[in-house]
Amino acid sequence: LLAPGLWLMIAVLCQGRIVWWTESA
């Protein structure tokens, strides 16, 4: 549970500024 949860959060933090937070569902 914990490892995939952290992986998803890391993915969001690394990609959010590039694909933009409100533009990618």
mmCIF file of all heavy atoms, coordinates in Angstrom:
data_MODEL
# 
_entry.id   MODEL 
# 
loop_
_atom_site.group_PDB 
_atom_site.id 
_atom_site.type_symbol 
_atom_site.label_atom_id 
_atom_site.label_alt_id 
_atom_site.label_comp_id 
_atom_site.label_asym_id 
_atom_site.label_entity_id 
_atom_site.label_seq_id 
_atom_site.pdbx_PDB_ins_code 
_atom_site.Cartn_x 
_atom_site.Cartn_y 
_atom_site.Cartn_z 
_atom_site.occupancy 
_atom_site.B_iso_or_equiv 
_atom_site.pdbx_formal_charge 
_atom_site.auth_seq_id 
_atom_site.auth_comp_id 
_atom_site.auth_asym_id 
_atom_site.auth_atom_id 
_atom_site.pdbx_PDB_model_num 
ATOM 1   N N   . LEU A 1 1  ? 0.814  -1.206 0.000   1.00 0.00 ? 1  LEU A N   1 
ATOM 2   C CA  . LEU A 1 1  ? 0.000  0.000  0.000   1.00 0.00 ? 1  LEU A CA  1 
ATOM 3   C C   . LEU A 1 1  ? 0.853  1.264  0.000   1.00 0.00 ? 1  LEU A C   1 
ATOM 4   O O   . LEU A 1 1  ? 0.596  2.210  -0.754  1.00 0.00 ? 1  LEU A O   1 
ATOM 5   C CB  . LEU A 1 1  ? -0.923 0.014  1.223   1.00 0.00 ? 1  LEU A CB  1 
ATOM 6   C CG  . LEU A 1 1  ? -2.100 -0.962 1.213   1.00 0.00 ? 1  LEU A CG  1 
ATOM 7   C CD1 . LEU A 1 1  ? -2.743 -1.011 2.596   1.00 0.00 ? 1  LEU A CD1 1 
ATOM 8   C CD2 . LEU A 1 1  ? -3.128 -0.540 0.173   1.00 0.00 ? 1  LEU A CD2 1 
ATOM 9   N N   . LEU A 1 2  ? 1.868  1.279  0.842   1.00 0.00 ? 2  LEU A N   1 
ATOM 10  C CA  . LEU A 1 2  ? 2.641  2.502  1.039   1.00 0.00 ? 2  LEU A CA  1 
ATOM 11  C C   . LEU A 1 2  ? 3.516  2.824  -0.163  1.00 0.00 ? 2  LEU A C   1 
ATOM 12  O O   . LEU A 1 2  ? 3.587  3.988  -0.599  1.00 0.00 ? 2  LEU A O   1 
ATOM 13  C CB  . LEU A 1 2  ? 3.488  2.376  2.305   1.00 0.00 ? 2  LEU A CB  1 
ATOM 14  C CG  . LEU A 1 2  ? 4.170  3.653  2.790   1.00 0.00 ? 2  LEU A CG  1 
ATOM 15  C CD1 . LEU A 1 2  ? 3.140  4.733  3.093   1.00 0.00 ? 2  LEU A CD1 1 
ATOM 16  C CD2 . LEU A 1 2  ? 4.996  3.365  4.037   1.00 0.00 ? 2  LEU A CD2 1 
ATOM 17  N N   . ALA A 1 3  ? 4.214  1.825  -0.708  1.00 0.00 ? 3  ALA A N   1 
ATOM 18  C CA  . ALA A 1 3  ? 5.121  2.091  -1.821  1.00 0.00 ? 3  ALA A CA  1 
ATOM 19  C C   . ALA A 1 3  ? 4.387  2.651  -3.049  1.00 0.00 ? 3  ALA A C   1 
ATOM 20  O O   . ALA A 1 3  ? 4.766  3.710  -3.567  1.00 0.00 ? 3  ALA A O   1 
ATOM 21  C CB  . ALA A 1 3  ? 5.908  0.830  -2.175  1.00 0.00 ? 3  ALA A CB  1 
ATOM 22  N N   . PRO A 1 4  ? 3.326  2.004  -3.558  1.00 0.00 ? 4  PRO A N   1 
ATOM 23  C CA  . PRO A 1 4  ? 2.617  2.609  -4.709  1.00 0.00 ? 4  PRO A CA  1 
ATOM 24  C C   . PRO A 1 4  ? 2.025  3.979  -4.387  1.00 0.00 ? 4  PRO A C   1 
ATOM 25  O O   . PRO A 1 4  ? 1.976  4.849  -5.262  1.00 0.00 ? 4  PRO A O   1 
ATOM 26  C CB  . PRO A 1 4  ? 1.520  1.590  -5.020  1.00 0.00 ? 4  PRO A CB  1 
ATOM 27  C CG  . PRO A 1 4  ? 1.995  0.305  -4.441  1.00 0.00 ? 4  PRO A CG  1 
ATOM 28  C CD  . PRO A 1 4  ? 2.770  0.681  -3.213  1.00 0.00 ? 4  PRO A CD  1 
ATOM 29  N N   . GLY A 1 5  ? 1.575  4.167  -3.137  1.00 0.00 ? 5  GLY A N   1 
ATOM 30  C CA  . GLY A 1 5  ? 1.052  5.475  -2.767  1.00 0.00 ? 5  GLY A CA  1 
ATOM 31  C C   . GLY A 1 5  ? 2.098  6.562  -2.869  1.00 0.00 ? 5  GLY A C   1 
ATOM 32  O O   . GLY A 1 5  ? 1.839  7.662  -3.399  1.00 0.00 ? 5  GLY A O   1 
ATOM 33  N N   . LEU A 1 6  ? 3.300  6.271  -2.382  1.00 0.00 ? 6  LEU A N   1 
ATOM 34  C CA  . LEU A 1 6  ? 4.387  7.239  -2.489  1.00 0.00 ? 6  LEU A CA  1 
ATOM 35  C C   . LEU A 1 6  ? 4.815  7.438  -3.934  1.00 0.00 ? 6  LEU A C   1 
ATOM 36  O O   . LEU A 1 6  ? 5.147  8.555  -4.352  1.00 0.00 ? 6  LEU A O   1 
ATOM 37  C CB  . LEU A 1 6  ? 5.575  6.781  -1.642  1.00 0.00 ? 6  LEU A CB  1 
ATOM 38  C CG  . LEU A 1 6  ? 5.378  6.831  -0.120  1.00 0.00 ? 6  LEU A CG  1 
ATOM 39  C CD1 . LEU A 1 6  ? 6.552  6.172  0.596   1.00 0.00 ? 6  LEU A CD1 1 
ATOM 40  C CD2 . LEU A 1 6  ? 5.216  8.267  0.357   1.00 0.00 ? 6  LEU A CD2 1 
ATOM 41  N N   . TRP A 1 7  ? 4.809  6.358  -4.712  1.00 0.00 ? 7  TRP A N   1 
ATOM 42  C CA  . TRP A 1 7  ? 5.185  6.486  -6.126  1.00 0.00 ? 7  TRP A CA  1 
ATOM 43  C C   . TRP A 1 7  ? 4.238  7.425  -6.868  1.00 0.00 ? 7  TRP A C   1 
ATOM 44  O O   . TRP A 1 7  ? 4.681  8.251  -7.671  1.00 0.00 ? 7  TRP A O   1 
ATOM 45  C CB  . TRP A 1 7  ? 5.182  5.104  -6.797  1.00 0.00 ? 7  TRP A CB  1 
ATOM 46  C CG  . TRP A 1 7  ? 6.209  4.167  -6.245  1.00 0.00 ? 7  TRP A CG  1 
ATOM 47  C CD1 . TRP A 1 7  ? 7.281  4.492  -5.460  1.00 0.00 ? 7  TRP A CD1 1 
ATOM 48  C CD2 . TRP A 1 7  ? 6.258  2.757  -6.422  1.00 0.00 ? 7  TRP A CD2 1 
ATOM 49  N NE1 . TRP A 1 7  ? 7.998  3.360  -5.124  1.00 0.00 ? 7  TRP A NE1 1 
ATOM 50  C CE2 . TRP A 1 7  ? 7.397  2.284  -5.703  1.00 0.00 ? 7  TRP A CE2 1 
ATOM 51  C CE3 . TRP A 1 7  ? 5.461  1.837  -7.098  1.00 0.00 ? 7  TRP A CE3 1 
ATOM 52  C CZ2 . TRP A 1 7  ? 7.729  0.937  -5.665  1.00 0.00 ? 7  TRP A CZ2 1 
ATOM 53  C CZ3 . TRP A 1 7  ? 5.808  0.482  -7.062  1.00 0.00 ? 7  TRP A CZ3 1 
ATOM 54  C CH2 . TRP A 1 7  ? 6.931  0.042  -6.365  1.00 0.00 ? 7  TRP A CH2 1 
ATOM 55  N N   . LEU A 1 8  ? 2.958  7.276  -6.612  1.00 0.00 ? 8  LEU A N   1 
ATOM 56  C CA  . LEU A 1 8  ? 1.986  8.153  -7.279  1.00 0.00 ? 8  LEU A CA  1 
ATOM 57  C C   . LEU A 1 8  ? 2.184  9.612  -6.864  1.00 0.00 ? 8  LEU A C   1 
ATOM 58  O O   . LEU A 1 8  ? 2.097  10.522 -7.705  1.00 0.00 ? 8  LEU A O   1 
ATOM 59  C CB  . LEU A 1 8  ? 0.562  7.705  -6.944  1.00 0.00 ? 8  LEU A CB  1 
ATOM 60  C CG  . LEU A 1 8  ? 0.094  6.396  -7.588  1.00 0.00 ? 8  LEU A CG  1 
ATOM 61  C CD1 . LEU A 1 8  ? -1.246 5.972  -7.021  1.00 0.00 ? 8  LEU A CD1 1 
ATOM 62  C CD2 . LEU A 1 8  ? 0.010  6.538  -9.106  1.00 0.00 ? 8  LEU A CD2 1 
ATOM 63  N N   . MET A 1 9  ? 2.469  9.846  -5.583  1.00 0.00 ? 9  MET A N   1 
ATOM 64  C CA  . MET A 1 9  ? 2.681  11.215 -5.123  1.00 0.00 ? 9  MET A CA  1 
ATOM 65  C C   . MET A 1 9  ? 3.936  11.814 -5.750  1.00 0.00 ? 9  MET A C   1 
ATOM 66  O O   . MET A 1 9  ? 3.951  12.993 -6.153  1.00 0.00 ? 9  MET A O   1 
ATOM 67  C CB  . MET A 1 9  ? 2.771  11.253 -3.599  1.00 0.00 ? 9  MET A CB  1 
ATOM 68  C CG  . MET A 1 9  ? 2.855  12.654 -3.034  1.00 0.00 ? 9  MET A CG  1 
ATOM 69  S SD  . MET A 1 9  ? 2.663  12.715 -1.249  1.00 0.00 ? 9  MET A SD  1 
ATOM 70  C CE  . MET A 1 9  ? 0.922  12.288 -1.092  1.00 0.00 ? 9  MET A CE  1 
ATOM 71  N N   . ILE A 1 10 ? 4.990  11.020 -5.861  1.00 0.00 ? 10 ILE A N   1 
ATOM 72  C CA  . ILE A 1 10 ? 6.218  11.492 -6.495  1.00 0.00 ? 10 ILE A CA  1 
ATOM 73  C C   . ILE A 1 10 ? 5.961  11.832 -7.960  1.00 0.00 ? 10 ILE A C   1 
ATOM 74  O O   . ILE A 1 10 ? 6.445  12.847 -8.478  1.00 0.00 ? 10 ILE A O   1 
ATOM 75  C CB  . ILE A 1 10 ? 7.330  10.431 -6.359  1.00 0.00 ? 10 ILE A CB  1 
ATOM 76  C CG1 . ILE A 1 10 ? 7.764  10.306 -4.897  1.00 0.00 ? 10 ILE A CG1 1 
ATOM 77  C CG2 . ILE A 1 10 ? 8.532  10.781 -7.237  1.00 0.00 ? 10 ILE A CG2 1 
ATOM 78  C CD1 . ILE A 1 10 ? 8.654  9.120  -4.625  1.00 0.00 ? 10 ILE A CD1 1 
ATOM 79  N N   . ALA A 1 11 ? 5.188  10.984 -8.642  1.00 0.00 ? 11 ALA A N   1 
ATOM 80  C CA  . ALA A 1 11 ? 4.869  11.240 -10.044 1.00 0.00 ? 11 ALA A CA  1 
ATOM 81  C C   . ALA A 1 11 ? 4.129  12.565 -10.196 1.00 0.00 ? 11 ALA A C   1 
ATOM 82  O O   . ALA A 1 11 ? 4.412  13.355 -11.113 1.00 0.00 ? 11 ALA A O   1 
ATOM 83  C CB  . ALA A 1 11 ? 4.031  10.094 -10.611 1.00 0.00 ? 11 ALA A CB  1 
ATOM 84  N N   . VAL A 1 12 ? 3.195  12.838 -9.309  1.00 0.00 ? 12 VAL A N   1 
ATOM 85  C CA  . VAL A 1 12 ? 2.437  14.092 -9.368  1.00 0.00 ? 12 VAL A CA  1 
ATOM 86  C C   . VAL A 1 12 ? 3.361  15.284 -9.158  1.00 0.00 ? 12 VAL A C   1 
ATOM 87  O O   . VAL A 1 12 ? 3.289  16.293 -9.877  1.00 0.00 ? 12 VAL A O   1 
ATOM 88  C CB  . VAL A 1 12 ? 1.307  14.082 -8.321  1.00 0.00 ? 12 VAL A CB  1 
ATOM 89  C CG1 . VAL A 1 12 ? 0.664  15.463 -8.206  1.00 0.00 ? 12 VAL A CG1 1 
ATOM 90  C CG2 . VAL A 1 12 ? 0.251  13.042 -8.688  1.00 0.00 ? 12 VAL A CG2 1 
ATOM 91  N N   . LEU A 1 13 ? 4.252  15.190 -8.179  1.00 0.00 ? 13 LEU A N   1 
ATOM 92  C CA  . LEU A 1 13 ? 5.141  16.310 -7.884  1.00 0.00 ? 13 LEU A CA  1 
ATOM 93  C C   . LEU A 1 13 ? 6.130  16.566 -9.019  1.00 0.00 ? 13 LEU A C   1 
ATOM 94  O O   . LEU A 1 13 ? 6.490  17.714 -9.293  1.00 0.00 ? 13 LEU A O   1 
ATOM 95  C CB  . LEU A 1 13 ? 5.906  16.027 -6.577  1.00 0.00 ? 13 LEU A CB  1 
ATOM 96  C CG  . LEU A 1 13 ? 5.063  16.035 -5.297  1.00 0.00 ? 13 LEU A CG  1 
ATOM 97  C CD1 . LEU A 1 13 ? 5.898  15.589 -4.106  1.00 0.00 ? 13 LEU A CD1 1 
ATOM 98  C CD2 . LEU A 1 13 ? 4.482  17.412 -5.039  1.00 0.00 ? 13 LEU A CD2 1 
ATOM 99  N N   . CYS A 1 14 ? 6.590  15.504 -9.676  1.00 0.00 ? 14 CYS A N   1 
ATOM 100 C CA  . CYS A 1 14 ? 7.561  15.678 -10.761 1.00 0.00 ? 14 CYS A CA  1 
ATOM 101 C C   . CYS A 1 14 ? 6.912  16.154 -12.053 1.00 0.00 ? 14 CYS A C   1 
ATOM 102 O O   . CYS A 1 14 ? 7.541  16.854 -12.852 1.00 0.00 ? 14 CYS A O   1 
ATOM 103 C CB  . CYS A 1 14 ? 8.297  14.360 -11.020 1.00 0.00 ? 14 CYS A CB  1 
ATOM 104 S SG  . CYS A 1 14 ? 9.460  13.879 -9.722  1.00 0.00 ? 14 CYS A SG  1 
ATOM 105 N N   . GLN A 1 15 ? 5.647  15.774 -12.282 1.00 0.00 ? 15 GLN A N   1 
ATOM 106 C CA  . GLN A 1 15 ? 4.996  16.082 -13.555 1.00 0.00 ? 15 GLN A CA  1 
ATOM 107 C C   . GLN A 1 15 ? 4.072  17.296 -13.497 1.00 0.00 ? 15 GLN A C   1 
ATOM 108 O O   . GLN A 1 15 ? 3.758  17.873 -14.540 1.00 0.00 ? 15 GLN A O   1 
ATOM 109 C CB  . GLN A 1 15 ? 4.179  14.861 -14.015 1.00 0.00 ? 15 GLN A CB  1 
ATOM 110 C CG  . GLN A 1 15 ? 5.012  13.658 -14.398 1.00 0.00 ? 15 GLN A CG  1 
ATOM 111 C CD  . GLN A 1 15 ? 5.771  13.860 -15.698 1.00 0.00 ? 15 GLN A CD  1 
ATOM 112 O OE1 . GLN A 1 15 ? 5.367  14.637 -16.559 1.00 0.00 ? 15 GLN A OE1 1 
ATOM 113 N NE2 . GLN A 1 15 ? 6.891  13.173 -15.837 1.00 0.00 ? 15 GLN A NE2 1 
ATOM 114 N N   . GLY A 1 16 ? 3.617  17.662 -12.291 1.00 0.00 ? 16 GLY A N   1 
ATOM 115 C CA  . GLY A 1 16 ? 2.600  18.695 -12.188 1.00 0.00 ? 16 GLY A CA  1 
ATOM 116 C C   . GLY A 1 16 ? 2.970  20.000 -12.839 1.00 0.00 ? 16 GLY A C   1 
ATOM 117 O O   . GLY A 1 16 ? 2.161  20.603 -13.574 1.00 0.00 ? 16 GLY A O   1 
ATOM 118 N N   . ARG A 1 17 ? 4.186  20.476 -12.609 1.00 0.00 ? 17 ARG A N   1 
ATOM 119 C CA  . ARG A 1 17 ? 4.581  21.773 -13.163 1.00 0.00 ? 17 ARG A CA  1 
ATOM 120 C C   . ARG A 1 17 ? 4.764  21.708 -14.679 1.00 0.00 ? 17 ARG A C   1 
ATOM 121 O O   . ARG A 1 17 ? 4.649  22.728 -15.364 1.00 0.00 ? 17 ARG A O   1 
ATOM 122 C CB  . ARG A 1 17 ? 5.885  22.224 -12.499 1.00 0.00 ? 17 ARG A CB  1 
ATOM 123 C CG  . ARG A 1 17 ? 6.412  23.560 -12.978 1.00 0.00 ? 17 ARG A CG  1 
ATOM 124 C CD  . ARG A 1 17 ? 7.555  24.024 -12.098 1.00 0.00 ? 17 ARG A CD  1 
ATOM 125 N NE  . ARG A 1 17 ? 8.660  23.087 -12.114 1.00 0.00 ? 17 ARG A NE  1 
ATOM 126 C CZ  . ARG A 1 17 ? 9.719  23.186 -12.937 1.00 0.00 ? 17 ARG A CZ  1 
ATOM 127 N NH1 . ARG A 1 17 ? 9.774  24.157 -13.828 1.00 0.00 ? 17 ARG A NH1 1 
ATOM 128 N NH2 . ARG A 1 17 ? 10.703 22.320 -12.865 1.00 0.00 ? 17 ARG A NH2 1 
ATOM 129 N N   . ILE A 1 18 ? 5.043  20.521 -15.212 1.00 0.00 ? 18 ILE A N   1 
ATOM 130 C CA  . ILE A 1 18 ? 5.325  20.399 -16.642 1.00 0.00 ? 18 ILE A CA  1 
ATOM 131 C C   . ILE A 1 18 ? 4.039  20.258 -17.445 1.00 0.00 ? 18 ILE A C   1 
ATOM 132 O O   . ILE A 1 18 ? 3.811  20.994 -18.415 1.00 0.00 ? 18 ILE A O   1 
ATOM 133 C CB  . ILE A 1 18 ? 6.258  19.184 -16.880 1.00 0.00 ? 18 ILE A CB  1 
ATOM 134 C CG1 . ILE A 1 18 ? 7.590  19.410 -16.166 1.00 0.00 ? 18 ILE A CG1 1 
ATOM 135 C CG2 . ILE A 1 18 ? 6.484  18.972 -18.381 1.00 0.00 ? 18 ILE A CG2 1 
ATOM 136 C CD1 . ILE A 1 18 ? 8.499  18.205 -16.172 1.00 0.00 ? 18 ILE A CD1 1 
ATOM 137 N N   . VAL A 1 19 ? 3.182  19.303 -17.061 1.00 0.00 ? 19 VAL A N   1 
ATOM 138 C CA  . VAL A 1 19 ? 1.918  19.118 -17.789 1.00 0.00 ? 19 VAL A CA  1 
ATOM 139 C C   . VAL A 1 19 ? 0.826  20.030 -17.247 1.00 0.00 ? 19 VAL A C   1 
ATOM 140 O O   . VAL A 1 19 ? -0.261 20.083 -17.806 1.00 0.00 ? 19 VAL A O   1 
ATOM 141 C CB  . VAL A 1 19 ? 1.471  17.640 -17.718 1.00 0.00 ? 19 VAL A CB  1 
ATOM 142 C CG1 . VAL A 1 19 ? 2.532  16.735 -18.317 1.00 0.00 ? 19 VAL A CG1 1 
ATOM 143 C CG2 . VAL A 1 19 ? 1.189  17.207 -16.278 1.00 0.00 ? 19 VAL A CG2 1 
ATOM 144 N N   . TRP A 1 20 ? 1.094  20.712 -16.204 1.00 0.00 ? 20 TRP A N   1 
ATOM 145 C CA  . TRP A 1 20 ? 0.309  21.694 -15.460 1.00 0.00 ? 20 TRP A CA  1 
ATOM 146 C C   . TRP A 1 20 ? -0.806 21.016 -14.666 1.00 0.00 ? 20 TRP A C   1 
ATOM 147 O O   . TRP A 1 20 ? -1.466 20.091 -15.097 1.00 0.00 ? 20 TRP A O   1 
ATOM 148 C CB  . TRP A 1 20 ? -0.243 22.802 -16.330 1.00 0.00 ? 20 TRP A CB  1 
ATOM 149 C CG  . TRP A 1 20 ? -0.554 24.008 -15.504 1.00 0.00 ? 20 TRP A CG  1 
ATOM 150 C CD1 . TRP A 1 20 ? -1.778 24.564 -15.275 1.00 0.00 ? 20 TRP A CD1 1 
ATOM 151 C CD2 . TRP A 1 20 ? 0.381  24.785 -14.748 1.00 0.00 ? 20 TRP A CD2 1 
ATOM 152 N NE1 . TRP A 1 20 ? -1.657 25.645 -14.437 1.00 0.00 ? 20 TRP A NE1 1 
ATOM 153 C CE2 . TRP A 1 20 ? -0.339 25.804 -14.097 1.00 0.00 ? 20 TRP A CE2 1 
ATOM 154 C CE3 . TRP A 1 20 ? 1.761  24.715 -14.559 1.00 0.00 ? 20 TRP A CE3 1 
ATOM 155 C CZ2 . TRP A 1 20 ? 0.260  26.739 -13.266 1.00 0.00 ? 20 TRP A CZ2 1 
ATOM 156 C CZ3 . TRP A 1 20 ? 2.374  25.652 -13.739 1.00 0.00 ? 20 TRP A CZ3 1 
ATOM 157 C CH2 . TRP A 1 20 ? 1.624  26.645 -13.104 1.00 0.00 ? 20 TRP A CH2 1 
ATOM 158 N N   . TRP A 1 21 ? -0.952 21.540 -13.454 1.00 0.00 ? 21 TRP A N   1 
ATOM 159 C CA  . TRP A 1 21 ? -1.785 20.912 -12.440 1.00 0.00 ? 21 TRP A CA  1 
ATOM 160 C C   . TRP A 1 21 ? -3.259 20.790 -12.841 1.00 0.00 ? 21 TRP A C   1 
ATOM 161 O O   . TRP A 1 21 ? -3.898 19.779 -12.544 1.00 0.00 ? 21 TRP A O   1 
ATOM 162 C CB  . TRP A 1 21 ? -1.686 21.720 -11.144 1.00 0.00 ? 21 TRP A CB  1 
ATOM 163 C CG  . TRP A 1 21 ? -0.282 21.966 -10.720 1.00 0.00 ? 21 TRP A CG  1 
ATOM 164 C CD1 . TRP A 1 21 ? 0.476  23.074 -10.971 1.00 0.00 ? 21 TRP A CD1 1 
ATOM 165 C CD2 . TRP A 1 21 ? 0.566  21.070 -10.005 1.00 0.00 ? 21 TRP A CD2 1 
ATOM 166 N NE1 . TRP A 1 21 ? 1.735  22.928 -10.438 1.00 0.00 ? 21 TRP A NE1 1 
ATOM 167 C CE2 . TRP A 1 21 ? 1.821  21.716 -9.832  1.00 0.00 ? 21 TRP A CE2 1 
ATOM 168 C CE3 . TRP A 1 21 ? 0.397  19.793 -9.468  1.00 0.00 ? 21 TRP A CE3 1 
ATOM 169 C CZ2 . TRP A 1 21 ? 2.882  21.124 -9.165  1.00 0.00 ? 21 TRP A CZ2 1 
ATOM 170 C CZ3 . TRP A 1 21 ? 1.456  19.201 -8.800  1.00 0.00 ? 21 TRP A CZ3 1 
ATOM 171 C CH2 . TRP A 1 21 ? 2.683  19.861 -8.657  1.00 0.00 ? 21 TRP A CH2 1 
ATOM 172 N N   . THR A 1 22 ? -3.785 21.790 -13.471 1.00 0.00 ? 22 THR A N   1 
ATOM 173 C CA  . THR A 1 22 ? -5.228 21.792 -13.775 1.00 0.00 ? 22 THR A CA  1 
ATOM 174 C C   . THR A 1 22 ? -5.534 21.340 -15.196 1.00 0.00 ? 22 THR A C   1 
ATOM 175 O O   . THR A 1 22 ? -6.698 21.323 -15.593 1.00 0.00 ? 22 THR A O   1 
ATOM 176 C CB  . THR A 1 22 ? -5.801 23.201 -13.567 1.00 0.00 ? 22 THR A CB  1 
ATOM 177 O OG1 . THR A 1 22 ? -5.087 24.132 -14.400 1.00 0.00 ? 22 THR A OG1 1 
ATOM 178 C CG2 . THR A 1 22 ? -5.665 23.631 -12.118 1.00 0.00 ? 22 THR A CG2 1 
ATOM 179 N N   . GLU A 1 23 ? -4.510 20.977 -15.961 1.00 0.00 ? 23 GLU A N   1 
ATOM 180 C CA  . GLU A 1 23 ? -4.723 20.611 -17.359 1.00 0.00 ? 23 GLU A CA  1 
ATOM 181 C C   . GLU A 1 23 ? -4.735 19.103 -17.589 1.00 0.00 ? 23 GLU A C   1 
ATOM 182 O O   . GLU A 1 23 ? -5.139 18.649 -18.657 1.00 0.00 ? 23 GLU A O   1 
ATOM 183 C CB  . GLU A 1 23 ? -3.630 21.246 -18.233 1.00 0.00 ? 23 GLU A CB  1 
ATOM 184 C CG  . GLU A 1 23 ? -3.635 22.761 -18.235 1.00 0.00 ? 23 GLU A CG  1 
ATOM 185 C CD  . GLU A 1 23 ? -4.916 23.320 -18.834 1.00 0.00 ? 23 GLU A CD  1 
ATOM 186 O OE1 . GLU A 1 23 ? -5.424 22.742 -19.806 1.00 0.00 ? 23 GLU A OE1 1 
ATOM 187 O OE2 . GLU A 1 23 ? -5.413 24.340 -18.304 1.00 0.00 ? 23 GLU A OE2 1 
ATOM 188 N N   . SER A 1 24 ? -4.263 18.318 -16.627 1.00 0.00 ? 24 SER A N   1 
ATOM 189 C CA  . SER A 1 24 ? -4.184 16.865 -16.797 1.00 0.00 ? 24 SER A CA  1 
ATOM 190 C C   . SER A 1 24 ? -4.986 16.197 -15.686 1.00 0.00 ? 24 SER A C   1 
ATOM 191 O O   . SER A 1 24 ? -4.612 16.268 -14.503 1.00 0.00 ? 24 SER A O   1 
ATOM 192 C CB  . SER A 1 24 ? -2.725 16.387 -16.751 1.00 0.00 ? 24 SER A CB  1 
ATOM 193 O OG  . SER A 1 24 ? -1.982 16.969 -17.809 1.00 0.00 ? 24 SER A OG  1 
ATOM 194 N N   . ALA A 1 25 ? -6.069 15.537 -16.060 1.00 0.00 ? 25 ALA A N   1 
ATOM 195 C CA  . ALA A 1 25 ? -6.952 14.923 -15.066 1.00 0.00 ? 25 ALA A CA  1 
ATOM 196 C C   . ALA A 1 25 ? -6.266 13.812 -14.283 1.00 0.00 ? 25 ALA A C   1 
ATOM 197 O O   . ALA A 1 25 ? -6.572 13.588 -13.101 1.00 0.00 ? 25 ALA A O   1 
ATOM 198 C CB  . ALA A 1 25 ? -8.212 14.379 -15.757 1.00 0.00 ? 25 ALA A CB  1 
# 
